[in-house]
Amino acid sequence: MHLISIKLPIIKKNDPLLKILINQLKSNRKFLQDKDILVISEKVISISQGRVVELADIHEISEKARKLANKYDMNPKIVELILQEASEIIGGMEHVILTQVNDFLIANAGIDQSNAGLGKVILLPDYLDEVVWKYWETLRNEFDIEDLGIIIADSRVQPLRKGTIGIAIATAGFEPVEDCVGKPDLFGRPLEITLRAVADDLVSAAQFLLGEANEQTPVVLIRDAKISFTENPKTTPEMPPEKCLYMNIFSKYLIKKDKSFND
């Protein structure tokens, strides 16, 4: 498996990212090939969608936002945005609020100050599923290829682990999860519960090349990965909270603890 970083010019608010990406691939002679995978940072997609907010433009702050900001020692304006973006507040600690956005958990509803500019924040992209399939269709047609994988990538922390790892928040063109249930282990015993997070594994590999600072490499090309390409994926990475190990054990305690802020 080979990974190639794709350097882009600095993406500004409302820039046509897809067009810029195509031009950059062609100008650098990094033409897409059949069975390639592109991992794209969610942040550049957000910026291209105009999902950049000036904190100075936020004038109304709810009482709930003020209470949470005081409890977790945060900027009330950012907390107000978190409440607008999140579908649920799960809990928090100093400087961080754990939220649910759509079908996944994320700190501060994915609102990010890095690379946003002074006094600005970047929100998560809108319409993730529509965007990832639009990129898949456009790039596949532009480079005349049959099989192509597209991943919109973000980073997350893991329970009791330092640092962040890669995670796929939207995918197109391949099976993002491999069901290994029933496959034999080294001793012939069938696996009972193993599901391999293919898309997340690919993002974690790409994280070594995805620029988190000033590298300007928000796209990584992955070649020769052994995955199952398909236009109609049967799997999704998300699972309901009641089936999640961590949520099933911790959620009752955390939700009860912060219940007053969700009423």
C-alpha atoms as a PDB file:
ATOM      1  CA  MET A   1       0.000   0.000   0.000  1.00  0.00           C
ATOM      2  CA  HIS A   2       1.343   3.416  -1.000  1.00  0.00           C
ATOM      3  CA  LEU A   3       0.394   6.823   0.399  1.00  0.00           C
ATOM      4  CA  ILE A   4       1.006  10.098  -1.426  1.00  0.00           C
ATOM      5  CA  SER A   5       0.307  13.528   0.069  1.00  0.00           C
ATOM      6  CA  ILE A   6      -1.419  16.072  -2.165  1.00  0.00           C
ATOM      7  CA  LYS A   7      -0.449  19.682  -1.509  1.00  0.00           C
ATOM      8  CA  LEU A   8      -3.085  22.322  -2.189  1.00  0.00           C
ATOM      9  CA  PRO A   9      -2.997  26.094  -2.145  1.00  0.00           C
ATOM     10  CA  ILE A  10      -4.455  27.646   0.995  1.00  0.00           C
ATOM     11  CA  ILE A  11      -8.192  27.058   0.769  1.00  0.00           C
ATOM     12  CA  LYS A  12     -10.228  30.151   1.571  1.00  0.00           C
ATOM     13  CA  LYS A  13     -13.873  30.540   2.478  1.00  0.00           C
ATOM     14  CA  ASN A  14     -16.195  29.481  -0.386  1.00  0.00           C
ATOM     15  CA  ASP A  15     -13.331  28.357  -2.670  1.00  0.00           C
ATOM     16  CA  PRO A  16     -14.317  25.661  -5.250  1.00  0.00           C
ATOM     17  CA  LEU A  17     -12.374  22.870  -3.538  1.00  0.00           C
ATOM     18  CA  LEU A  18     -13.310  20.068  -5.927  1.00  0.00           C
ATOM     19  CA  LYS A  19     -12.182  22.077  -8.962  1.00  0.00           C
ATOM     20  CA  ILE A  20      -8.962  23.073  -7.190  1.00  0.00           C
ATOM     21  CA  LEU A  21      -8.261  19.436  -6.286  1.00  0.00           C
ATOM     22  CA  ILE A  22      -8.762  18.254  -9.875  1.00  0.00           C
ATOM     23  CA  ASN A  23      -6.470  20.974 -11.236  1.00  0.00           C
ATOM     24  CA  GLN A  24      -3.829  20.209  -8.625  1.00  0.00           C
ATOM     25  CA  LEU A  25      -3.857  16.480  -9.409  1.00  0.00           C
ATOM     26  CA  LYS A  26      -3.457  17.163 -13.114  1.00  0.00           C
ATOM     27  CA  SER A  27      -0.793  19.837 -12.748  1.00  0.00           C
ATOM     28  CA  ASN A  28       1.317  17.542 -10.574  1.00  0.00           C
ATOM     29  CA  ARG A  29       0.732  14.547 -12.882  1.00  0.00           C
ATOM     30  CA  LYS A  30      -0.801  12.592  -9.994  1.00  0.00           C
ATOM     31  CA  PHE A  31      -3.623  11.241 -12.116  1.00  0.00           C
ATOM     32  CA  LEU A  32      -6.081   9.033 -10.288  1.00  0.00           C
ATOM     33  CA  GLN A  33      -5.974   5.351 -11.178  1.00  0.00           C
ATOM     34  CA  ASP A  34      -8.510   2.585 -10.883  1.00  0.00           C
ATOM     35  CA  LYS A  35      -8.924   1.452  -7.236  1.00  0.00           C
ATOM     36  CA  ASP A  36      -7.329   4.564  -5.746  1.00  0.00           C
ATOM     37  CA  ILE A  37      -8.629   6.074  -2.517  1.00  0.00           C
ATOM     38  CA  LEU A  38      -8.616   9.779  -1.668  1.00  0.00           C
ATOM     39  CA  VAL A  39      -8.669  10.814   1.979  1.00  0.00           C
ATOM     40  CA  ILE A  40      -9.781  14.439   2.351  1.00  0.00           C
ATOM     41  CA  SER A  41      -9.630  16.470   5.545  1.00  0.00           C
ATOM     42  CA  GLU A  42     -13.057  17.631   6.683  1.00  0.00           C
ATOM     43  CA  LYS A  43     -11.651  21.054   7.499  1.00  0.00           C
ATOM     44  CA  VAL A  44     -10.933  22.081   3.904  1.00  0.00           C
ATOM     45  CA  ILE A  45     -14.396  20.917   2.900  1.00  0.00           C
ATOM     46  CA  SER A  46     -15.898  23.031   5.690  1.00  0.00           C
ATOM     47  CA  ILE A  47     -13.935  26.086   4.598  1.00  0.00           C
ATOM     48  CA  SER A  48     -14.958  25.604   0.970  1.00  0.00           C
ATOM     49  CA  GLN A  49     -18.591  25.442   2.134  1.00  0.00           C
ATOM     50  CA  GLY A  50     -18.197  28.748   3.963  1.00  0.00           C
ATOM     51  CA  ARG A  51     -18.564  27.102   7.366  1.00  0.00           C
ATOM     52  CA  VAL A  52     -16.285  29.683   8.997  1.00  0.00           C
ATOM     53  CA  VAL A  53     -17.753  31.824  11.772  1.00  0.00           C
ATOM     54  CA  GLU A  54     -16.512  35.142  13.136  1.00  0.00           C
ATOM     55  CA  LEU A  55     -16.941  34.990  16.902  1.00  0.00           C
ATOM     56  CA  ALA A  56     -17.469  38.766  16.911  1.00  0.00           C
ATOM     57  CA  ASP A  57     -20.693  38.172  14.936  1.00  0.00           C
ATOM     58  CA  ILE A  58     -22.245  36.151  17.762  1.00  0.00           C
ATOM     59  CA  HIS A  59     -24.266  38.572  19.859  1.00  0.00           C
ATOM     60  CA  GLU A  60     -26.965  36.438  21.485  1.00  0.00           C
ATOM     61  CA  ILE A  61     -25.866  33.849  24.047  1.00  0.00           C
ATOM     62  CA  SER A  62     -28.435  31.637  25.743  1.00  0.00           C
ATOM     63  CA  GLU A  63     -28.551  31.044  29.473  1.00  0.00           C
ATOM     64  CA  LYS A  64     -27.809  27.386  28.858  1.00  0.00           C
ATOM     65  CA  ALA A  65     -24.641  28.318  26.965  1.00  0.00           C
ATOM     66  CA  ARG A  66     -23.546  30.629  29.777  1.00  0.00           C
ATOM     67  CA  LYS A  67     -24.038  27.878  32.380  1.00  0.00           C
ATOM     68  CA  LEU A  68     -22.068  25.328  30.356  1.00  0.00           C
ATOM     69  CA  ALA A  69     -19.326  27.857  29.606  1.00  0.00           C
ATOM     70  CA  ASN A  70     -18.985  28.637  33.304  1.00  0.00           C
ATOM     71  CA  LYS A  71     -18.979  24.947  34.253  1.00  0.00           C
ATOM     72  CA  TYR A  72     -16.326  23.933  31.730  1.00  0.00           C
ATOM     73  CA  ASP A  73     -14.358  27.215  31.622  1.00  0.00           C
ATOM     74  CA  MET A  74     -15.020  27.924  27.950  1.00  0.00           C
ATOM     75  CA  ASN A  75     -15.795  30.863  25.694  1.00  0.00           C
ATOM     76  CA  PRO A  76     -19.591  31.359  25.883  1.00  0.00           C
ATOM     77  CA  LYS A  77     -19.740  32.200  22.177  1.00  0.00           C
ATOM     78  CA  ILE A  78     -18.134  28.885  21.254  1.00  0.00           C
ATOM     79  CA  VAL A  79     -20.484  27.062  23.624  1.00  0.00           C
ATOM     80  CA  GLU A  80     -23.447  28.770  21.939  1.00  0.00           C
ATOM     81  CA  LEU A  81     -22.217  27.423  18.598  1.00  0.00           C
ATOM     82  CA  ILE A  82     -21.776  23.977  20.137  1.00  0.00           C
ATOM     83  CA  LEU A  83     -25.412  23.990  21.268  1.00  0.00           C
ATOM     84  CA  GLN A  84     -26.519  24.988  17.776  1.00  0.00           C
ATOM     85  CA  GLU A  85     -24.444  22.284  16.072  1.00  0.00           C
ATOM     86  CA  ALA A  86     -24.900  19.356  18.485  1.00  0.00           C
ATOM     87  CA  SER A  87     -27.907  17.074  18.629  1.00  0.00           C
ATOM     88  CA  GLU A  88     -27.099  16.245  22.262  1.00  0.00           C
ATOM     89  CA  ILE A  89     -24.735  17.268  25.050  1.00  0.00           C
ATOM     90  CA  ILE A  90     -23.292  14.124  26.639  1.00  0.00           C
ATOM     91  CA  GLY A  91     -20.959  15.603  29.264  1.00  0.00           C
ATOM     92  CA  GLY A  92     -17.698  17.433  29.553  1.00  0.00           C
ATOM     93  CA  MET A  93     -14.590  18.479  31.408  1.00  0.00           C
ATOM     94  CA  GLU A  94     -12.469  21.630  31.573  1.00  0.00           C
ATOM     95  CA  HIS A  95     -12.304  23.278  28.114  1.00  0.00           C
ATOM     96  CA  VAL A  96     -14.120  20.394  26.378  1.00  0.00           C
ATOM     97  CA  ILE A  97     -17.756  19.369  25.907  1.00  0.00           C
ATOM     98  CA  LEU A  98     -18.548  15.903  24.564  1.00  0.00           C
ATOM     99  CA  THR A  99     -21.392  16.035  22.069  1.00  0.00           C
ATOM    100  CA  GLN A 100     -23.318  13.881  19.648  1.00  0.00           C
ATOM    101  CA  VAL A 101     -23.519  15.231  16.105  1.00  0.00           C
ATOM    102  CA  ASN A 102     -25.583  13.140  13.705  1.00  0.00           C
ATOM    103  CA  ASP A 103     -24.480   9.559  14.461  1.00  0.00           C
ATOM    104  CA  PHE A 104     -21.101  10.074  16.112  1.00  0.00           C
ATOM    105  CA  LEU A 105     -19.519  11.500  19.232  1.00  0.00           C
ATOM    106  CA  ILE A 106     -17.175  14.447  18.918  1.00  0.00           C
ATOM    107  CA  ALA A 107     -15.607  17.036  21.190  1.00  0.00           C
ATOM    108  CA  ASN A 108     -17.153  20.530  20.989  1.00  0.00           C
ATOM    109  CA  ALA A 109     -19.444  19.498  18.102  1.00  0.00           C
ATOM    110  CA  GLY A 110     -16.375  19.452  15.855  1.00  0.00           C
ATOM    111  CA  ILE A 111     -15.869  23.216  16.149  1.00  0.00           C
ATOM    112  CA  ASP A 112     -12.196  23.980  15.569  1.00  0.00           C
ATOM    113  CA  GLN A 113     -10.104  27.123  16.036  1.00  0.00           C
ATOM    114  CA  SER A 114      -6.896  25.817  14.422  1.00  0.00           C
ATOM    115  CA  ASN A 115      -6.154  27.214  10.952  1.00  0.00           C
ATOM    116  CA  ALA A 116      -9.342  29.277  11.179  1.00  0.00           C
ATOM    117  CA  GLY A 117      -7.722  32.681  11.600  1.00  0.00           C
ATOM    118  CA  LEU A 118      -7.815  35.115  14.499  1.00  0.00           C
ATOM    119  CA  GLY A 119     -11.240  35.332  16.116  1.00  0.00           C
ATOM    120  CA  LYS A 120     -12.741  32.660  13.867  1.00  0.00           C
ATOM    121  CA  VAL A 121     -13.819  29.034  14.192  1.00  0.00           C
ATOM    122  CA  ILE A 122     -14.556  26.324  11.634  1.00  0.00           C
ATOM    123  CA  LEU A 123     -17.673  24.165  11.893  1.00  0.00           C
ATOM    124  CA  LEU A 124     -18.085  20.620  10.618  1.00  0.00           C
ATOM    125  CA  PRO A 125     -19.101  20.292   6.953  1.00  0.00           C
ATOM    126  CA  ASP A 126     -22.748  20.260   5.980  1.00  0.00           C
ATOM    127  CA  TYR A 127     -24.358  17.413   3.994  1.00  0.00           C
ATOM    128  CA  LEU A 128     -21.496  14.951   4.452  1.00  0.00           C
ATOM    129  CA  ASP A 129     -23.124  12.046   2.619  1.00  0.00           C
ATOM    130  CA  GLU A 130     -24.093  14.175  -0.356  1.00  0.00           C
ATOM    131  CA  VAL A 131     -20.650  15.756  -0.547  1.00  0.00           C
ATOM    132  CA  VAL A 132     -18.664  12.518  -0.407  1.00  0.00           C
ATOM    133  CA  TRP A 133     -20.728  10.923  -3.180  1.00  0.00           C
ATOM    134  CA  LYS A 134     -20.508  14.080  -5.307  1.00  0.00           C
ATOM    135  CA  TYR A 135     -16.708  13.954  -5.043  1.00  0.00           C
ATOM    136  CA  TRP A 136     -16.778  10.237  -5.900  1.00  0.00           C
ATOM    137  CA  GLU A 137     -18.933  10.727  -8.987  1.00  0.00           C
ATOM    138  CA  THR A 138     -17.116  13.824 -10.276  1.00  0.00           C
ATOM    139  CA  LEU A 139     -13.591  12.455  -9.801  1.00  0.00           C
ATOM    140  CA  ARG A 140     -14.452   9.058 -11.230  1.00  0.00           C
ATOM    141  CA  ASN A 141     -15.852  10.686 -14.368  1.00  0.00           C
ATOM    142  CA  GLU A 142     -13.055  13.258 -14.641  1.00  0.00           C
ATOM    143  CA  PHE A 143     -10.313  10.609 -14.577  1.00  0.00           C
ATOM    144  CA  ASP A 144     -12.337   7.907 -16.375  1.00  0.00           C
ATOM    145  CA  ILE A 145     -11.938   5.190 -13.739  1.00  0.00           C
ATOM    146  CA  GLU A 146     -14.302   2.485 -12.531  1.00  0.00           C
ATOM    147  CA  ASP A 147     -13.437   1.908  -8.874  1.00  0.00           C
ATOM    148  CA  LEU A 148     -12.662   4.800  -6.550  1.00  0.00           C
ATOM    149  CA  GLY A 149     -12.864   5.340  -2.810  1.00  0.00           C
ATOM    150  CA  ILE A 150     -13.475   8.708  -1.162  1.00  0.00           C
ATOM    151  CA  ILE A 151     -13.125   9.362   2.566  1.00  0.00           C
ATOM    152  CA  ILE A 152     -13.840  12.561   4.454  1.00  0.00           C
ATOM    153  CA  ALA A 153     -11.509  12.365   7.451  1.00  0.00           C
ATOM    154  CA  ASP A 154     -11.358  13.803  10.927  1.00  0.00           C
ATOM    155  CA  SER A 155      -9.489  12.976  14.129  1.00  0.00           C
ATOM    156  CA  ARG A 156     -10.731  11.757  17.498  1.00  0.00           C
ATOM    157  CA  VAL A 157      -9.476  10.865  20.943  1.00  0.00           C
ATOM    158  CA  GLN A 158      -9.898   7.362  22.340  1.00  0.00           C
ATOM    159  CA  PRO A 159     -10.915   6.498  25.920  1.00  0.00           C
ATOM    160  CA  LEU A 160      -7.876   6.310  28.219  1.00  0.00           C
ATOM    161  CA  ARG A 161      -5.466   7.030  25.354  1.00  0.00           C
ATOM    162  CA  LYS A 162      -3.400  10.171  24.720  1.00  0.00           C
ATOM    163  CA  GLY A 163      -3.487  11.876  21.362  1.00  0.00           C
ATOM    164  CA  THR A 164      -5.777  11.642  18.368  1.00  0.00           C
ATOM    165  CA  ILE A 165      -6.359   8.965  15.752  1.00  0.00           C
ATOM    166  CA  GLY A 166      -7.967   9.159  12.328  1.00  0.00           C
ATOM    167  CA  ILE A 167     -11.634   8.499  11.735  1.00  0.00           C
ATOM    168  CA  ALA A 168     -13.790   8.436   8.616  1.00  0.00           C
ATOM    169  CA  ILE A 169     -16.875  10.618   8.995  1.00  0.00           C
ATOM    170  CA  ALA A 170     -18.149   9.922   5.466  1.00  0.00           C
ATOM    171  CA  THR A 171     -17.216   7.394   2.773  1.00  0.00           C
ATOM    172  CA  ALA A 172     -18.133   6.519  -0.797  1.00  0.00           C
ATOM    173  CA  GLY A 173     -17.213   3.791  -3.275  1.00  0.00           C
ATOM    174  CA  PHE A 174     -16.187   0.946  -0.956  1.00  0.00           C
ATOM    175  CA  GLU A 175     -17.204  -1.085   2.082  1.00  0.00           C
ATOM    176  CA  PRO A 176     -16.087   0.955   5.129  1.00  0.00           C
ATOM    177  CA  VAL A 177     -16.386  -2.018   7.493  1.00  0.00           C
ATOM    178  CA  GLU A 178     -15.266  -5.603   6.929  1.00  0.00           C
ATOM    179  CA  ASP A 179     -17.372  -8.238   8.644  1.00  0.00           C
ATOM    180  CA  CYS A 180     -14.976 -10.914   9.892  1.00  0.00           C
ATOM    181  CA  VAL A 181     -17.570 -12.852  11.875  1.00  0.00           C
ATOM    182  CA  GLY A 182     -17.292 -16.550  11.053  1.00  0.00           C
ATOM    183  CA  LYS A 183     -13.792 -16.329   9.602  1.00  0.00           C
ATOM    184  CA  PRO A 184     -11.295 -18.715  11.241  1.00  0.00           C
ATOM    185  CA  ASP A 185      -8.510 -17.482  13.481  1.00  0.00           C
ATOM    186  CA  LEU A 186      -5.003 -19.030  13.462  1.00  0.00           C
ATOM    187  CA  PHE A 187      -6.325 -22.124  15.201  1.00  0.00           C
ATOM    188  CA  GLY A 188      -9.449 -22.566  13.097  1.00  0.00           C
ATOM    189  CA  ARG A 189     -11.801 -21.115  15.685  1.00  0.00           C
ATOM    190  CA  PRO A 190     -14.448 -18.887  14.035  1.00  0.00           C
ATOM    191  CA  LEU A 191     -14.436 -15.234  15.016  1.00  0.00           C
ATOM    192  CA  GLU A 192     -17.609 -14.232  16.811  1.00  0.00           C
ATOM    193  CA  ILE A 193     -17.747 -10.444  17.033  1.00  0.00           C
ATOM    194  CA  THR A 194     -14.875  -8.994  14.988  1.00  0.00           C
ATOM    195  CA  LEU A 195     -15.681  -6.138  12.625  1.00  0.00           C
ATOM    196  CA  ARG A 196     -12.692  -4.453  10.980  1.00  0.00           C
ATOM    197  CA  ALA A 197     -12.960  -0.665  10.697  1.00  0.00           C
ATOM    198  CA  VAL A 198     -11.459  -0.437   7.205  1.00  0.00           C
ATOM    199  CA  ALA A 199     -12.204   3.241   6.574  1.00  0.00           C
ATOM    200  CA  ASP A 200     -10.926   4.338   9.988  1.00  0.00           C
ATOM    201  CA  ASP A 201      -7.759   2.272   9.519  1.00  0.00           C
ATOM    202  CA  LEU A 202      -7.105   3.967   6.180  1.00  0.00           C
ATOM    203  CA  VAL A 203      -7.580   7.415   7.722  1.00  0.00           C
ATOM    204  CA  SER A 204      -5.232   6.547  10.579  1.00  0.00           C
ATOM    205  CA  ALA A 205      -2.564   5.618   8.040  1.00  0.00           C
ATOM    206  CA  ALA A 206      -3.198   8.825   6.105  1.00  0.00           C
ATOM    207  CA  GLN A 207      -2.926  10.898   9.294  1.00  0.00           C
ATOM    208  CA  PHE A 208       0.861  10.657   9.033  1.00  0.00           C
ATOM    209  CA  LEU A 209       0.656  12.761   5.857  1.00  0.00           C
ATOM    210  CA  LEU A 210      -2.464  14.863   6.391  1.00  0.00           C
ATOM    211  CA  GLY A 211      -1.301  18.328   7.422  1.00  0.00           C
ATOM    212  CA  GLU A 212      -2.631  19.397  10.816  1.00  0.00           C
ATOM    213  CA  ALA A 213      -0.498  22.548  10.947  1.00  0.00           C
ATOM    214  CA  ASN A 214       0.936  24.573   8.023  1.00  0.00           C
ATOM    215  CA  GLU A 215       1.870  21.739   5.638  1.00  0.00           C
ATOM    216  CA  GLN A 216      -1.026  22.463   3.229  1.00  0.00           C
ATOM    217  CA  THR A 217      -1.521  18.725   2.579  1.00  0.00           C
ATOM    218  CA  PRO A 218      -5.208  18.152   3.366  1.00  0.00           C
ATOM    219  CA  VAL A 219      -5.540  15.302   0.853  1.00  0.00           C
ATOM    220  CA  VAL A 220      -3.801  11.915   0.782  1.00  0.00           C
ATOM    221  CA  LEU A 221      -3.894   9.456  -2.107  1.00  0.00           C
ATOM    222  CA  ILE A 222      -3.852   5.784  -1.075  1.00  0.00           C
ATOM    223  CA  ARG A 223      -2.934   3.236  -3.729  1.00  0.00           C
ATOM    224  CA  ASP A 224      -2.959  -0.599  -3.718  1.00  0.00           C
ATOM    225  CA  ALA A 225      -5.100  -0.968  -0.598  1.00  0.00           C
ATOM    226  CA  LYS A 226      -6.910  -4.297  -0.446  1.00  0.00           C
ATOM    227  CA  ILE A 227     -10.480  -3.180   0.088  1.00  0.00           C
ATOM    228  CA  SER A 228     -13.844  -4.064  -1.401  1.00  0.00           C
ATOM    229  CA  PHE A 229     -14.938  -1.404  -3.900  1.00  0.00           C
ATOM    230  CA  THR A 230     -18.661  -1.024  -4.535  1.00  0.00           C
ATOM    231  CA  GLU A 231     -21.186   1.575  -5.623  1.00  0.00           C
ATOM    232  CA  ASN A 232     -23.661   0.193  -3.078  1.00  0.00           C
ATOM    233  CA  PRO A 233     -21.968  -0.327   0.301  1.00  0.00           C
ATOM    234  CA  LYS A 234     -23.842  -2.624   2.652  1.00  0.00           C
ATOM    235  CA  THR A 235     -22.017  -1.538   5.807  1.00  0.00           C
ATOM    236  CA  THR A 236     -21.731   1.699   7.784  1.00  0.00           C
ATOM    237  CA  PRO A 237     -19.295   2.547  10.588  1.00  0.00           C
ATOM    238  CA  GLU A 238     -21.976   3.893  12.930  1.00  0.00           C
ATOM    239  CA  MET A 239     -23.728   1.875  15.606  1.00  0.00           C
ATOM    240  CA  PRO A 240     -26.553   2.721  18.035  1.00  0.00           C
ATOM    241  CA  PRO A 241     -25.439   3.850  21.527  1.00  0.00           C
ATOM    242  CA  GLU A 242     -26.953   0.791  23.221  1.00  0.00           C
ATOM    243  CA  LYS A 243     -24.587  -1.469  21.257  1.00  0.00           C
ATOM    244  CA  CYS A 244     -21.464   0.597  21.919  1.00  0.00           C
ATOM    245  CA  LEU A 245     -19.219  -0.700  24.711  1.00  0.00           C
ATOM    246  CA  TYR A 246     -18.276   2.728  26.053  1.00  0.00           C
ATOM    247  CA  MET A 247     -21.661   4.393  25.623  1.00  0.00           C
ATOM    248  CA  ASN A 248     -23.496   1.439  27.110  1.00  0.00           C
ATOM    249  CA  ILE A 249     -21.372   1.566  30.263  1.00  0.00           C
ATOM    250  CA  PHE A 250     -20.814   5.314  30.696  1.00  0.00           C
ATOM    251  CA  SER A 251     -23.819   7.031  29.138  1.00  0.00           C
ATOM    252  CA  LYS A 252     -26.278   6.636  32.011  1.00  0.00           C
ATOM    253  CA  TYR A 253     -23.850   8.230  34.423  1.00  0.00           C
ATOM    254  CA  LEU A 254     -22.839  11.067  32.111  1.00  0.00           C
ATOM    255  CA  ILE A 255     -26.344  11.866  30.904  1.00  0.00           C
ATOM    256  CA  LYS A 256     -27.642  11.878  34.479  1.00  0.00           C
ATOM    257  CA  LYS A 257     -24.782  14.141  35.533  1.00  0.00           C
ATOM    258  CA  ASP A 258     -25.564  16.728  32.859  1.00  0.00           C
ATOM    259  CA  LYS A 259     -29.317  16.247  32.764  1.00  0.00           C
ATOM    260  CA  SER A 260     -29.933  19.746  34.088  1.00  0.00           C
ATOM    261  CA  PHE A 261     -28.269  21.207  30.991  1.00  0.00           C
ATOM    262  CA  ASN A 262     -30.365  19.134  28.584  1.00  0.00           C
ATOM    263  CA  ASP A 263     -33.766  20.012  30.136  1.00  0.00           C
END
